[in-house]
Amino acid sequence: MTANKPGDPTTLNRLYGRTQGRTLRQGQQELLDTLLPALSVPEEGPVTCQALFGREAPLHFEIGMGAGEHLAARADMLPDHAFIGAEPFVNGMVGALGHVRDLGLTNVRLHMGDALEVLARIPDGALSFVYLLHPDPWKKARHAKRRMMNDGPLDMIAAKLKPGGEFRFGTDHPIYLRHALMVMRRHTQQFEWLITGPKDFQTRPGGWTETRYEKKARRLGHEVWYFRFRRR
């Protein structure tokens, strides 16, 4: 079974290739040069709400935030909460910075790089929410160990979530869907699937903002699935 191949994102050194697509316009480059340094998670030391924001608040973490639509919407919706978003791709980070600037968000910090590097420095039990929305499906079986929905990352997410904290996962890829559910069956002592029937994973929950990846999936006629898991 693909999920049992050796290695996962916690042991692989690199999960992505090139980190930049289209050439940046001048305004986009200025966002990277001026706003990102002010919002970046420090490169060393514990990553805590007090250290990042100077206050205590429910702390959210998004793995691979893309262009930041979901993160920015949640941060705007919950101004008393604190948010960290990680994204390795420059063009996605520029999009996220634009949302932060346009909405005037002060409760967001960003990391351009590997999300697991930051997640590992968050104290255990510190997070209220973790989001993994439309991750790269790594379609080929030999690449299954690169999927974020694997035992190592899930153990780390479970450790960082406080009891009662929530892990949200979304995908439109049927292979990834089956893989994810298979892996989650091995983590039932850590996570409780919040579900009463099929509509719960076929309908986007309230407060779950549509991302550009989800919009693209729907334009292509793909079905989209939504999952909510509570830390036991």
Protein backbone atom coordinates (compact mmCIF):
# COMPACT_ATOMS: atom_id res chain seq x y z
CA MET A 1 0.00 0.00 0.00
CA THR A 2 1.42 3.38 -0.95
CA ALA A 3 1.09 4.92 2.52
CA ASN A 4 3.48 2.28 3.91
CA LYS A 5 6.44 3.17 1.68
CA PRO A 6 9.42 4.35 3.74
CA GLY A 7 9.71 8.04 4.44
CA ASP A 8 7.24 10.90 4.62
CA PRO A 9 7.42 14.73 4.60
CA THR A 10 8.98 14.78 8.08
CA THR A 11 12.00 12.80 6.86
CA LEU A 12 12.36 13.97 3.25
CA ASN A 13 14.63 16.96 2.74
CA ARG A 14 12.58 18.68 0.03
CA LEU A 15 8.99 18.35 -1.13
CA TYR A 16 8.87 20.84 -3.96
CA GLY A 17 10.88 21.93 -6.97
CA ARG A 18 11.14 25.49 -8.25
CA THR A 19 9.76 28.14 -5.94
CA GLN A 20 8.88 30.87 -8.44
CA GLY A 21 6.71 30.99 -11.56
CA ARG A 22 5.86 34.24 -13.33
CA THR A 23 8.28 37.15 -13.08
CA LEU A 24 7.16 39.58 -10.41
CA ARG A 25 5.95 43.08 -11.21
CA GLN A 26 7.56 45.99 -9.42
CA GLY A 27 4.74 46.32 -6.87
CA GLN A 28 4.87 42.62 -6.11
CA GLN A 29 8.61 42.73 -5.58
CA GLU A 30 8.15 45.69 -3.23
CA LEU A 31 5.74 43.62 -1.13
CA LEU A 32 8.38 40.93 -0.78
CA ASP A 33 11.10 43.44 0.01
CA THR A 34 9.18 45.57 2.52
CA LEU A 35 6.13 43.81 3.98
CA LEU A 36 7.37 40.23 4.19
CA PRO A 37 10.33 41.02 6.48
CA ALA A 38 7.95 42.74 8.89
CA LEU A 39 5.63 39.71 9.00
CA SER A 40 8.08 36.82 8.76
CA VAL A 41 8.29 34.17 11.45
CA PRO A 42 11.77 34.37 13.07
CA GLU A 43 14.21 31.82 11.69
CA GLU A 44 15.13 30.45 15.12
CA GLY A 45 13.58 29.87 18.52
CA PRO A 46 10.17 28.74 19.75
CA VAL A 47 7.22 29.94 17.68
CA THR A 48 4.64 31.14 20.19
CA CYS A 49 1.76 33.55 20.06
CA GLN A 50 3.42 35.75 22.67
CA ALA A 51 6.67 35.86 20.71
CA LEU A 52 4.98 36.68 17.40
CA PHE A 53 2.18 38.99 18.50
CA GLY A 54 3.00 40.07 22.05
CA ARG A 55 -0.23 38.58 23.38
CA GLU A 56 -2.01 35.30 23.99
CA ALA A 57 -4.75 34.25 21.57
CA PRO A 58 -6.07 31.14 19.84
CA LEU A 59 -3.37 30.25 17.33
CA HIS A 60 -4.09 28.97 13.78
CA PHE A 61 -1.58 27.44 11.35
CA GLU A 62 -2.09 26.89 7.61
CA ILE A 63 0.18 24.47 5.77
CA GLY A 64 0.70 25.55 2.16
CA MET A 65 -1.58 28.58 2.13
CA GLY A 66 -1.25 29.23 -1.63
CA ALA A 67 -2.15 32.85 -2.34
CA GLY A 68 -3.59 33.24 1.14
CA GLU A 69 -7.30 33.67 0.38
CA HIS A 70 -8.41 31.33 3.13
CA LEU A 71 -5.89 32.53 5.71
CA ALA A 72 -6.68 36.20 5.12
CA ALA A 73 -10.43 35.62 5.26
CA ARG A 74 -10.16 33.70 8.52
CA ALA A 75 -7.87 36.34 10.04
CA ASP A 76 -10.30 39.08 8.99
CA MET A 77 -13.21 37.09 10.40
CA LEU A 78 -11.45 36.42 13.72
CA PRO A 79 -9.42 39.55 14.59
CA ASP A 80 -8.86 38.39 18.18
CA HIS A 81 -7.18 35.18 16.96
CA ALA A 82 -3.62 34.81 15.62
CA PHE A 83 -2.61 33.19 12.34
CA ILE A 84 0.52 31.71 10.81
CA GLY A 85 0.68 30.80 7.13
CA ALA A 86 3.47 28.90 5.39
CA GLU A 87 4.04 28.75 1.63
CA PRO A 88 7.26 27.93 -0.28
CA PHE A 89 6.27 29.55 -3.58
CA VAL A 90 7.10 33.20 -4.18
CA ASN A 91 4.05 33.97 -6.31
CA GLY A 92 1.73 32.54 -3.68
CA MET A 93 3.42 34.55 -0.95
CA VAL A 94 2.99 37.74 -2.98
CA GLY A 95 -0.74 37.03 -3.19
CA ALA A 96 -0.96 36.49 0.54
CA LEU A 97 0.94 39.69 1.25
CA GLY A 98 -1.49 41.58 -0.96
CA HIS A 99 -4.44 40.26 1.04
CA VAL A 100 -2.78 41.21 4.31
CA ARG A 101 -2.08 44.72 3.04
CA ASP A 102 -5.52 45.27 1.49
CA LEU A 103 -7.40 44.05 4.58
CA GLY A 104 -5.08 45.81 7.02
CA LEU A 105 -4.49 42.58 8.96
CA THR A 106 -2.33 42.78 12.07
CA ASN A 107 -2.93 39.23 13.31
CA VAL A 108 -0.98 37.35 10.59
CA ARG A 109 2.61 36.11 10.39
CA LEU A 110 4.06 34.36 7.35
CA HIS A 111 6.82 31.92 6.47
CA MET A 112 8.11 31.47 2.93
CA GLY A 113 9.46 27.95 3.07
CA ASP A 114 8.75 24.52 4.52
CA ALA A 115 5.73 24.57 6.84
CA LEU A 116 7.05 21.65 8.89
CA GLU A 117 10.16 23.63 9.87
CA VAL A 118 7.93 26.16 11.62
CA LEU A 119 5.43 23.62 12.92
CA ALA A 120 8.22 21.73 14.66
CA ARG A 121 9.11 24.88 16.67
CA ILE A 122 5.57 25.47 17.91
CA PRO A 123 5.14 24.17 21.48
CA ASP A 124 3.04 21.06 21.87
CA GLY A 125 -0.62 21.81 22.56
CA ALA A 126 -0.34 25.43 21.39
CA LEU A 127 -2.54 25.38 18.27
CA SER A 128 -6.31 25.74 18.08
CA PHE A 129 -6.60 25.07 14.32
CA VAL A 130 -4.44 23.51 11.61
CA TYR A 131 -5.44 23.77 7.92
CA LEU A 132 -4.30 21.66 4.98
CA LEU A 133 -6.36 22.72 1.97
CA HIS A 134 -5.87 21.27 -1.52
CA PRO A 135 -2.28 20.10 -1.02
CA ASP A 136 -0.26 18.77 -3.93
CA PRO A 137 -1.71 15.26 -4.50
CA TRP A 138 1.55 13.73 -5.75
CA LYS A 139 -0.49 11.51 -8.06
CA LYS A 140 2.09 8.80 -8.77
CA ALA A 141 2.28 5.91 -6.31
CA ARG A 142 6.05 6.23 -5.97
CA HIS A 143 5.56 9.80 -4.76
CA ALA A 144 2.99 8.95 -2.08
CA LYS A 145 5.57 9.47 0.66
CA ARG A 146 5.71 13.15 -0.34
CA ARG A 147 2.05 13.69 0.57
CA MET A 148 1.45 15.80 3.64
CA MET A 149 -1.30 13.40 4.69
CA ASN A 150 1.10 10.81 6.06
CA ASP A 151 1.90 9.44 9.50
CA GLY A 152 4.81 11.74 10.35
CA PRO A 153 3.04 15.05 9.64
CA LEU A 154 -0.18 13.82 11.28
CA ASP A 155 1.69 12.85 14.45
CA MET A 156 3.25 16.32 14.48
CA ILE A 157 -0.10 18.05 13.89
CA ALA A 158 -1.66 15.99 16.68
CA ALA A 159 1.13 16.98 19.06
CA LYS A 160 0.82 20.69 18.29
CA LEU A 161 -2.98 20.85 18.58
CA LYS A 162 -4.51 21.39 21.98
CA PRO A 163 -7.18 18.90 23.11
CA GLY A 164 -10.36 19.90 21.28
CA GLY A 165 -8.35 21.70 18.59
CA GLU A 166 -9.37 21.17 14.99
CA PHE A 167 -7.55 19.89 11.91
CA ARG A 168 -9.22 20.76 8.59
CA PHE A 169 -8.32 19.03 5.34
CA GLY A 170 -9.75 19.59 1.86
CA THR A 171 -9.07 18.04 -1.54
CA ASP A 172 -10.62 17.52 -4.97
CA HIS A 173 -8.33 14.65 -5.93
CA PRO A 174 -9.88 11.16 -5.57
CA ILE A 175 -6.53 9.36 -5.23
CA TYR A 176 -5.44 11.69 -2.46
CA LEU A 177 -8.85 11.36 -0.84
CA ARG A 178 -8.56 7.58 -0.57
CA HIS A 179 -4.96 7.82 0.61
CA ALA A 180 -5.84 10.41 3.28
CA LEU A 181 -8.74 8.41 4.68
CA MET A 182 -6.61 5.27 4.79
CA VAL A 183 -3.91 7.10 6.74
CA MET A 184 -6.39 8.78 9.10
CA ARG A 185 -7.72 5.36 10.08
CA ARG A 186 -4.37 4.80 11.80
CA HIS A 187 -4.80 7.98 13.86
CA THR A 188 -8.21 7.46 15.47
CA GLN A 189 -6.66 7.60 18.95
CA GLN A 190 -5.52 11.15 18.18
CA PHE A 191 -8.35 12.49 16.02
CA GLU A 192 -12.12 12.25 16.04
CA TRP A 193 -13.75 12.71 12.62
CA LEU A 194 -16.51 15.34 13.00
CA ILE A 195 -19.16 13.79 10.79
CA THR A 196 -22.80 12.79 10.98
CA GLY A 197 -23.32 11.89 7.32
CA PRO A 198 -22.07 12.34 3.73
CA LYS A 199 -23.25 15.95 3.53
CA ASP A 200 -20.68 16.87 6.16
CA PHE A 201 -17.80 16.16 3.79
CA GLN A 202 -19.58 17.16 0.59
CA THR A 203 -20.55 20.66 1.75
CA ARG A 204 -18.08 23.40 2.67
CA PRO A 205 -18.50 24.21 6.40
CA GLY A 206 -19.25 27.72 7.55
CA GLY A 207 -16.17 29.89 7.97
CA TRP A 208 -14.25 27.82 5.40
CA THR A 209 -13.42 30.29 2.62
CA GLU A 210 -13.14 29.02 -0.95
CA THR A 211 -9.59 29.13 -2.31
CA ARG A 212 -8.54 29.68 -5.91
CA TYR A 213 -7.61 25.99 -6.10
CA GLU A 214 -11.12 25.01 -5.11
CA LYS A 215 -12.60 27.41 -7.66
CA LYS A 216 -10.41 25.91 -10.35
CA ALA A 217 -11.45 22.40 -9.33
CA ARG A 218 -15.11 23.29 -9.62
CA ARG A 219 -14.58 24.91 -13.03
CA LEU A 220 -13.06 21.61 -14.14
CA GLY A 221 -16.10 19.74 -12.84
CA HIS A 222 -14.30 18.11 -9.92
CA GLU A 223 -16.05 17.12 -6.74
CA VAL A 224 -14.57 18.73 -3.62
CA TRP A 225 -14.42 17.07 -0.19
CA TYR A 226 -14.09 18.76 3.20
CA PHE A 227 -12.93 17.09 6.40
CA ARG A 228 -12.87 18.24 10.02
CA PHE A 229 -11.02 16.27 12.70
CA ARG A 230 -10.99 17.13 16.41
CA ARG A 231 -7.96 16.42 18.58
CA ARG A 232 -8.93 13.93 21.26
